[in-house]
Amino acid sequence: MTEITNSNALESTAPASTGLPPAVEAFVLRWGDLGGQWGVNRSVAQIQALLLLSDRPLTAEDIADTLGLARSNVSNSIKELLNWKLVMRVPVLGDRRDHYVAETDLWQMASKVAQGRKEREIDPMVAAIRAAMAGADDPAISPAVRQRLHGMHDFITTVDGWYQQMITVPPGQIMRLIRLGAKVVGLLRYLPGGAKDKPADDG
């Protein structure tokens, strides 16, 4: 398929003849705009949105024609979405071309994005802090700097440990926890070290 070379064709907006329902087209465009705020290429976000709201698997040609994107752009964007596990290849009877569908389970989608960002951003930070901690006893390091390193190490290892525990919790239980909202804070009173365990003020 010939790639789009018209310099007036902006990939930030879909062509007028997308054939998409107005609400779907608006969502695809808005999702693409949000992608930039998340650090994701606009085309990647638009393709994910299109597949998310598609009622059938789409080929790369379908996606390119619908969104007015260059085929090479679509191919690279699909590779990135596959790496994030946000889209999957599926077979279609009688058609040898690759077809794609999006992960539509919102909890799975959020979990995969969180896991991907953790691997790219949090894990390297954990490794860097642990490497710094290996030399924290160096006499050349001041007590104030050593204290900061210990504080950073405690924080990041606590968050990392919490995440590792939470990914084993069934989504249904996590949703119940989320729906509790501020009530969870009240439950902390009954845990060791909570307000209920503190001695009463004698006044």
C-alpha atoms as a PDB file:
ATOM      1  CA  MET A   1       0.000   0.000   0.000  1.00  0.00           C
ATOM      2  CA  THR A   2       1.300   3.442  -0.914  1.00  0.00           C
ATOM      3  CA  GLU A   3       2.170   5.536   2.113  1.00  0.00           C
ATOM      4  CA  ILE A   4       0.486   8.882   2.603  1.00  0.00           C
ATOM      5  CA  THR A   5       2.844  11.602   1.432  1.00  0.00           C
ATOM      6  CA  ASN A   6       0.471  14.545   1.375  1.00  0.00           C
ATOM      7  CA  SER A   7       2.124  17.127   3.611  1.00  0.00           C
ATOM      8  CA  ASN A   8      -1.258  18.639   4.348  1.00  0.00           C
ATOM      9  CA  ALA A   9      -2.538  15.406   5.879  1.00  0.00           C
ATOM     10  CA  LEU A  10      -2.075  15.855   9.620  1.00  0.00           C
ATOM     11  CA  GLU A  11      -1.878  12.686  11.674  1.00  0.00           C
ATOM     12  CA  SER A  12      -3.285  14.527  14.681  1.00  0.00           C
ATOM     13  CA  THR A  13      -6.691  14.585  13.030  1.00  0.00           C
ATOM     14  CA  ALA A  14      -8.558  11.791  11.294  1.00  0.00           C
ATOM     15  CA  PRO A  15      -9.706  12.303   7.700  1.00  0.00           C
ATOM     16  CA  ALA A  16     -13.293  13.368   7.179  1.00  0.00           C
ATOM     17  CA  SER A  17     -14.226  10.015   5.593  1.00  0.00           C
ATOM     18  CA  THR A  18     -13.135   7.736   8.441  1.00  0.00           C
ATOM     19  CA  GLY A  19     -16.533   6.079   8.475  1.00  0.00           C
ATOM     20  CA  LEU A  20     -16.380   6.014  12.279  1.00  0.00           C
ATOM     21  CA  PRO A  21     -19.361   7.082  14.383  1.00  0.00           C
ATOM     22  CA  PRO A  22     -18.769  10.645  15.611  1.00  0.00           C
ATOM     23  CA  ALA A  23     -18.469   9.555  19.247  1.00  0.00           C
ATOM     24  CA  VAL A  24     -15.856   6.921  18.365  1.00  0.00           C
ATOM     25  CA  GLU A  25     -13.898   9.329  16.180  1.00  0.00           C
ATOM     26  CA  ALA A  26     -13.902  11.939  18.951  1.00  0.00           C
ATOM     27  CA  PHE A  27     -12.662   9.341  21.443  1.00  0.00           C
ATOM     28  CA  VAL A  28      -9.853   8.206  19.133  1.00  0.00           C
ATOM     29  CA  LEU A  29      -8.701  11.792  18.591  1.00  0.00           C
ATOM     30  CA  ARG A  30      -8.893  12.661  22.280  1.00  0.00           C
ATOM     31  CA  TRP A  31      -7.084   9.457  23.285  1.00  0.00           C
ATOM     32  CA  GLY A  32      -4.341  10.384  20.836  1.00  0.00           C
ATOM     33  CA  ASP A  33      -4.004  13.826  22.422  1.00  0.00           C
ATOM     34  CA  LEU A  34      -3.807  12.253  25.892  1.00  0.00           C
ATOM     35  CA  GLY A  35      -1.091   9.908  24.668  1.00  0.00           C
ATOM     36  CA  GLY A  36       1.295  12.832  24.389  1.00  0.00           C
ATOM     37  CA  GLN A  37       0.677  13.698  28.037  1.00  0.00           C
ATOM     38  CA  TRP A  38       1.437  10.098  29.015  1.00  0.00           C
ATOM     39  CA  GLY A  39       4.681  10.094  27.068  1.00  0.00           C
ATOM     40  CA  VAL A  40       3.196   7.910  24.316  1.00  0.00           C
ATOM     41  CA  ASN A  41       3.314   8.668  20.595  1.00  0.00           C
ATOM     42  CA  ARG A  42       0.014  10.104  19.336  1.00  0.00           C
ATOM     43  CA  SER A  43      -0.314   7.441  16.621  1.00  0.00           C
ATOM     44  CA  VAL A  44       0.217   4.638  19.137  1.00  0.00           C
ATOM     45  CA  ALA A  45      -2.537   6.014  21.346  1.00  0.00           C
ATOM     46  CA  GLN A  46      -4.930   6.518  18.433  1.00  0.00           C
ATOM     47  CA  ILE A  47      -4.424   2.965  17.187  1.00  0.00           C
ATOM     48  CA  GLN A  48      -5.029   1.541  20.636  1.00  0.00           C
ATOM     49  CA  ALA A  49      -8.222   3.592  20.940  1.00  0.00           C
ATOM     50  CA  LEU A  50      -9.427   2.494  17.504  1.00  0.00           C
ATOM     51  CA  LEU A  51      -8.868  -1.182  18.303  1.00  0.00           C
ATOM     52  CA  LEU A  52     -10.371  -0.754  21.751  1.00  0.00           C
ATOM     53  CA  LEU A  53     -13.674   0.409  20.273  1.00  0.00           C
ATOM     54  CA  SER A  54     -13.644  -1.809  17.176  1.00  0.00           C
ATOM     55  CA  ASP A  55     -16.193  -4.637  17.043  1.00  0.00           C
ATOM     56  CA  ARG A  56     -13.936  -6.739  14.784  1.00  0.00           C
ATOM     57  CA  PRO A  57     -10.222  -7.448  14.319  1.00  0.00           C
ATOM     58  CA  LEU A  58      -8.442  -4.956  12.076  1.00  0.00           C
ATOM     59  CA  THR A  59      -5.471  -5.281   9.751  1.00  0.00           C
ATOM     60  CA  ALA A  60      -2.680  -2.737   9.498  1.00  0.00           C
ATOM     61  CA  GLU A  61      -4.233  -1.633   6.196  1.00  0.00           C
ATOM     62  CA  ASP A  62      -7.604  -1.096   7.893  1.00  0.00           C
ATOM     63  CA  ILE A  63      -5.963   1.020  10.563  1.00  0.00           C
ATOM     64  CA  ALA A  64      -3.912   3.077   8.104  1.00  0.00           C
ATOM     65  CA  ASP A  65      -6.934   3.778   5.897  1.00  0.00           C
ATOM     66  CA  THR A  66      -9.210   4.670   8.808  1.00  0.00           C
ATOM     67  CA  LEU A  67      -6.805   6.976  10.617  1.00  0.00           C
ATOM     68  CA  GLY A  68      -5.029   8.379   7.576  1.00  0.00           C
ATOM     69  CA  LEU A  69      -1.639   7.233   8.844  1.00  0.00           C
ATOM     70  CA  ALA A  70       1.362   6.051   6.857  1.00  0.00           C
ATOM     71  CA  ARG A  71       1.662   2.269   6.782  1.00  0.00           C
ATOM     72  CA  SER A  72       5.187   2.400   8.213  1.00  0.00           C
ATOM     73  CA  ASN A  73       3.877   4.494  11.111  1.00  0.00           C
ATOM     74  CA  VAL A  74       1.119   1.956  11.755  1.00  0.00           C
ATOM     75  CA  SER A  75       3.567  -0.961  11.688  1.00  0.00           C
ATOM     76  CA  ASN A  76       5.910   0.686  14.193  1.00  0.00           C
ATOM     77  CA  SER A  77       3.023   1.693  16.438  1.00  0.00           C
ATOM     78  CA  ILE A  78       1.579  -1.821  16.421  1.00  0.00           C
ATOM     79  CA  LYS A  79       4.995  -3.233  17.392  1.00  0.00           C
ATOM     80  CA  GLU A  80       5.082  -0.897  20.387  1.00  0.00           C
ATOM     81  CA  LEU A  81       1.545  -1.875  21.436  1.00  0.00           C
ATOM     82  CA  LEU A  82       2.477  -5.556  21.093  1.00  0.00           C
ATOM     83  CA  ASN A  83       5.501  -4.977  23.328  1.00  0.00           C
ATOM     84  CA  TRP A  84       3.219  -3.422  25.936  1.00  0.00           C
ATOM     85  CA  LYS A  85       0.825  -6.392  25.484  1.00  0.00           C
ATOM     86  CA  LEU A  86      -2.016  -3.937  24.844  1.00  0.00           C
ATOM     87  CA  VAL A  87      -2.901  -5.499  21.486  1.00  0.00           C
ATOM     88  CA  MET A  88      -2.750  -9.092  20.239  1.00  0.00           C
ATOM     89  CA  ARG A  89      -2.535 -10.778  16.842  1.00  0.00           C
ATOM     90  CA  VAL A  90      -5.518 -12.982  16.068  1.00  0.00           C
ATOM     91  CA  PRO A  91      -6.165 -15.311  13.122  1.00  0.00           C
ATOM     92  CA  VAL A  92      -9.088 -14.694  10.793  1.00  0.00           C
ATOM     93  CA  LEU A  93     -10.409 -17.611   8.760  1.00  0.00           C
ATOM     94  CA  GLY A  94      -9.699 -17.238   5.045  1.00  0.00           C
ATOM     95  CA  ASP A  95      -7.346 -14.252   5.443  1.00  0.00           C
ATOM     96  CA  ARG A  96      -3.598 -14.720   5.754  1.00  0.00           C
ATOM     97  CA  ARG A  97      -2.954 -11.128   6.824  1.00  0.00           C
ATOM     98  CA  ASP A  98      -2.233 -10.248  10.447  1.00  0.00           C
ATOM     99  CA  HIS A  99      -5.271  -8.968  12.315  1.00  0.00           C
ATOM    100  CA  TYR A 100      -5.188  -7.165  15.639  1.00  0.00           C
ATOM    101  CA  VAL A 101      -7.474  -6.721  18.617  1.00  0.00           C
ATOM    102  CA  ALA A 102      -6.989  -4.640  21.746  1.00  0.00           C
ATOM    103  CA  GLU A 103      -6.985  -5.770  25.341  1.00  0.00           C
ATOM    104  CA  THR A 104     -10.487  -4.712  26.412  1.00  0.00           C
ATOM    105  CA  ASP A 105     -10.356  -5.735  30.069  1.00  0.00           C
ATOM    106  CA  LEU A 106      -9.665  -2.367  31.678  1.00  0.00           C
ATOM    107  CA  TRP A 107      -8.085  -3.909  34.750  1.00  0.00           C
ATOM    108  CA  GLN A 108      -5.718  -6.009  32.636  1.00  0.00           C
ATOM    109  CA  MET A 109      -4.955  -2.966  30.512  1.00  0.00           C
ATOM    110  CA  ALA A 110      -4.083  -0.869  33.555  1.00  0.00           C
ATOM    111  CA  SER A 111      -2.013  -3.699  35.033  1.00  0.00           C
ATOM    112  CA  LYS A 112      -0.008  -4.152  31.826  1.00  0.00           C
ATOM    113  CA  VAL A 113       0.673  -0.423  31.559  1.00  0.00           C
ATOM    114  CA  ALA A 114       1.725  -0.309  35.219  1.00  0.00           C
ATOM    115  CA  GLN A 115       3.995  -3.326  34.781  1.00  0.00           C
ATOM    116  CA  GLY A 116       5.541  -1.848  31.647  1.00  0.00           C
ATOM    117  CA  ARG A 117       6.223   1.499  33.269  1.00  0.00           C
ATOM    118  CA  LYS A 118       7.637  -0.219  36.355  1.00  0.00           C
ATOM    119  CA  GLU A 119      10.094  -2.199  34.228  1.00  0.00           C
ATOM    120  CA  ARG A 120      11.152   0.916  32.314  1.00  0.00           C
ATOM    121  CA  GLU A 121      11.180   3.502  35.107  1.00  0.00           C
ATOM    122  CA  ILE A 122      10.939   2.063  38.624  1.00  0.00           C
ATOM    123  CA  ASP A 123      13.192  -0.999  38.326  1.00  0.00           C
ATOM    124  CA  PRO A 124      16.206   1.010  37.040  1.00  0.00           C
ATOM    125  CA  MET A 125      15.696   3.472  39.915  1.00  0.00           C
ATOM    126  CA  VAL A 126      15.612   0.609  42.439  1.00  0.00           C
ATOM    127  CA  ALA A 127      18.837  -0.771  40.954  1.00  0.00           C
ATOM    128  CA  ALA A 128      20.515   2.651  41.070  1.00  0.00           C
ATOM    129  CA  ILE A 129      19.581   3.233  44.712  1.00  0.00           C
ATOM    130  CA  ARG A 130      20.702  -0.253  45.750  1.00  0.00           C
ATOM    131  CA  ALA A 131      24.024   0.310  43.997  1.00  0.00           C
ATOM    132  CA  ALA A 132      24.445   3.614  45.834  1.00  0.00           C
ATOM    133  CA  MET A 133      23.589   1.937  49.142  1.00  0.00           C
ATOM    134  CA  ALA A 134      26.433  -0.532  48.602  1.00  0.00           C
ATOM    135  CA  GLY A 135      28.858   2.347  49.114  1.00  0.00           C
ATOM    136  CA  ALA A 136      26.847   4.321  51.666  1.00  0.00           C
ATOM    137  CA  ASP A 137      29.327   3.552  54.465  1.00  0.00           C
ATOM    138  CA  ASP A 138      32.090   5.454  52.657  1.00  0.00           C
ATOM    139  CA  PRO A 139      33.536   7.949  55.186  1.00  0.00           C
ATOM    140  CA  ALA A 140      33.581  10.576  52.436  1.00  0.00           C
ATOM    141  CA  ILE A 141      29.768  10.542  52.454  1.00  0.00           C
ATOM    142  CA  SER A 142      28.344  12.965  55.004  1.00  0.00           C
ATOM    143  CA  PRO A 143      25.769  11.782  57.562  1.00  0.00           C
ATOM    144  CA  ALA A 144      23.109  13.980  55.931  1.00  0.00           C
ATOM    145  CA  VAL A 145      23.658  12.419  52.498  1.00  0.00           C
ATOM    146  CA  ARG A 146      23.784   8.935  54.030  1.00  0.00           C
ATOM    147  CA  GLN A 147      20.451   9.594  55.723  1.00  0.00           C
ATOM    148  CA  ARG A 148      18.920  10.700  52.423  1.00  0.00           C
ATOM    149  CA  LEU A 149      20.137   7.521  50.741  1.00  0.00           C
ATOM    150  CA  HIS A 150      18.639   5.389  53.506  1.00  0.00           C
ATOM    151  CA  GLY A 151      15.357   7.291  53.259  1.00  0.00           C
ATOM    152  CA  MET A 152      15.209   6.828  49.478  1.00  0.00           C
ATOM    153  CA  HIS A 153      16.085   3.150  49.821  1.00  0.00           C
ATOM    154  CA  ASP A 154      13.407   2.533  52.450  1.00  0.00           C
ATOM    155  CA  PHE A 155      10.768   4.334  50.406  1.00  0.00           C
ATOM    156  CA  ILE A 156      11.464   2.685  47.067  1.00  0.00           C
ATOM    157  CA  THR A 157      11.832  -0.821  48.507  1.00  0.00           C
ATOM    158  CA  THR A 158       8.569  -0.400  50.425  1.00  0.00           C
ATOM    159  CA  VAL A 159       6.725   0.723  47.294  1.00  0.00           C
ATOM    160  CA  ASP A 160       8.328  -2.039  45.223  1.00  0.00           C
ATOM    161  CA  GLY A 161       7.378  -4.655  47.817  1.00  0.00           C
ATOM    162  CA  TRP A 162       3.816  -3.318  47.959  1.00  0.00           C
ATOM    163  CA  TYR A 163       3.510  -3.547  44.193  1.00  0.00           C
ATOM    164  CA  GLN A 164       4.818  -7.123  44.120  1.00  0.00           C
ATOM    165  CA  GLN A 165       2.176  -8.086  46.678  1.00  0.00           C
ATOM    166  CA  MET A 166      -0.668  -6.250  44.968  1.00  0.00           C
ATOM    167  CA  ILE A 167      -0.160  -7.918  41.583  1.00  0.00           C
ATOM    168  CA  THR A 168      -1.016 -11.248  43.222  1.00  0.00           C
ATOM    169  CA  VAL A 169      -4.336  -9.965  44.580  1.00  0.00           C
ATOM    170  CA  PRO A 170      -7.378 -10.858  42.422  1.00  0.00           C
ATOM    171  CA  PRO A 171      -8.791  -7.804  40.585  1.00  0.00           C
ATOM    172  CA  GLY A 172     -12.189  -8.244  42.254  1.00  0.00           C
ATOM    173  CA  GLN A 173     -10.674  -7.838  45.702  1.00  0.00           C
ATOM    174  CA  ILE A 174      -8.692  -4.780  44.651  1.00  0.00           C
ATOM    175  CA  MET A 175     -11.863  -3.195  43.252  1.00  0.00           C
ATOM    176  CA  ARG A 176     -13.592  -3.816  46.581  1.00  0.00           C
ATOM    177  CA  LEU A 177     -10.665  -2.139  48.319  1.00  0.00           C
ATOM    178  CA  ILE A 178     -10.838   0.851  45.966  1.00  0.00           C
ATOM    179  CA  ARG A 179     -14.581   1.222  46.525  1.00  0.00           C
ATOM    180  CA  LEU A 180     -13.985   1.442  50.272  1.00  0.00           C
ATOM    181  CA  GLY A 181     -12.255   4.753  49.633  1.00  0.00           C
ATOM    182  CA  ALA A 182     -11.546   6.741  52.794  1.00  0.00           C
ATOM    183  CA  LYS A 183     -13.020   3.951  54.934  1.00  0.00           C
ATOM    184  CA  VAL A 184      -9.679   2.185  54.584  1.00  0.00           C
ATOM    185  CA  VAL A 185      -8.041   4.998  56.549  1.00  0.00           C
ATOM    186  CA  GLY A 186     -10.489   4.355  59.378  1.00  0.00           C
ATOM    187  CA  LEU A 187      -9.494   0.690  59.454  1.00  0.00           C
ATOM    188  CA  LEU A 188      -5.879   1.682  60.099  1.00  0.00           C
ATOM    189  CA  ARG A 189      -6.928   2.703  63.619  1.00  0.00           C
ATOM    190  CA  TYR A 190      -7.302  -0.969  64.468  1.00  0.00           C
ATOM    191  CA  LEU A 191      -3.831  -1.964  63.265  1.00  0.00           C
ATOM    192  CA  PRO A 192      -0.762  -1.999  65.550  1.00  0.00           C
ATOM    193  CA  GLY A 193       0.457   1.557  65.925  1.00  0.00           C
ATOM    194  CA  GLY A 194      -2.944   2.991  64.990  1.00  0.00           C
ATOM    195  CA  ALA A 195      -4.681   5.768  66.875  1.00  0.00           C
ATOM    196  CA  LYS A 196      -6.703   3.230  68.888  1.00  0.00           C
ATOM    197  CA  ASP A 197      -3.502   1.792  70.393  1.00  0.00           C
ATOM    198  CA  LYS A 198      -2.209   5.166  71.570  1.00  0.00           C
ATOM    199  CA  PRO A 199      -2.676   5.938  75.266  1.00  0.00           C
ATOM    200  CA  ALA A 200      -5.413   8.416  76.051  1.00  0.00           C
ATOM    201  CA  ASP A 201      -4.336  11.954  76.841  1.00  0.00           C
ATOM    202  CA  ASP A 202      -4.662  12.560  80.578  1.00  0.00           C
ATOM    203  CA  GLY A 203      -5.352  16.140  79.823  1.00  0.00           C
END
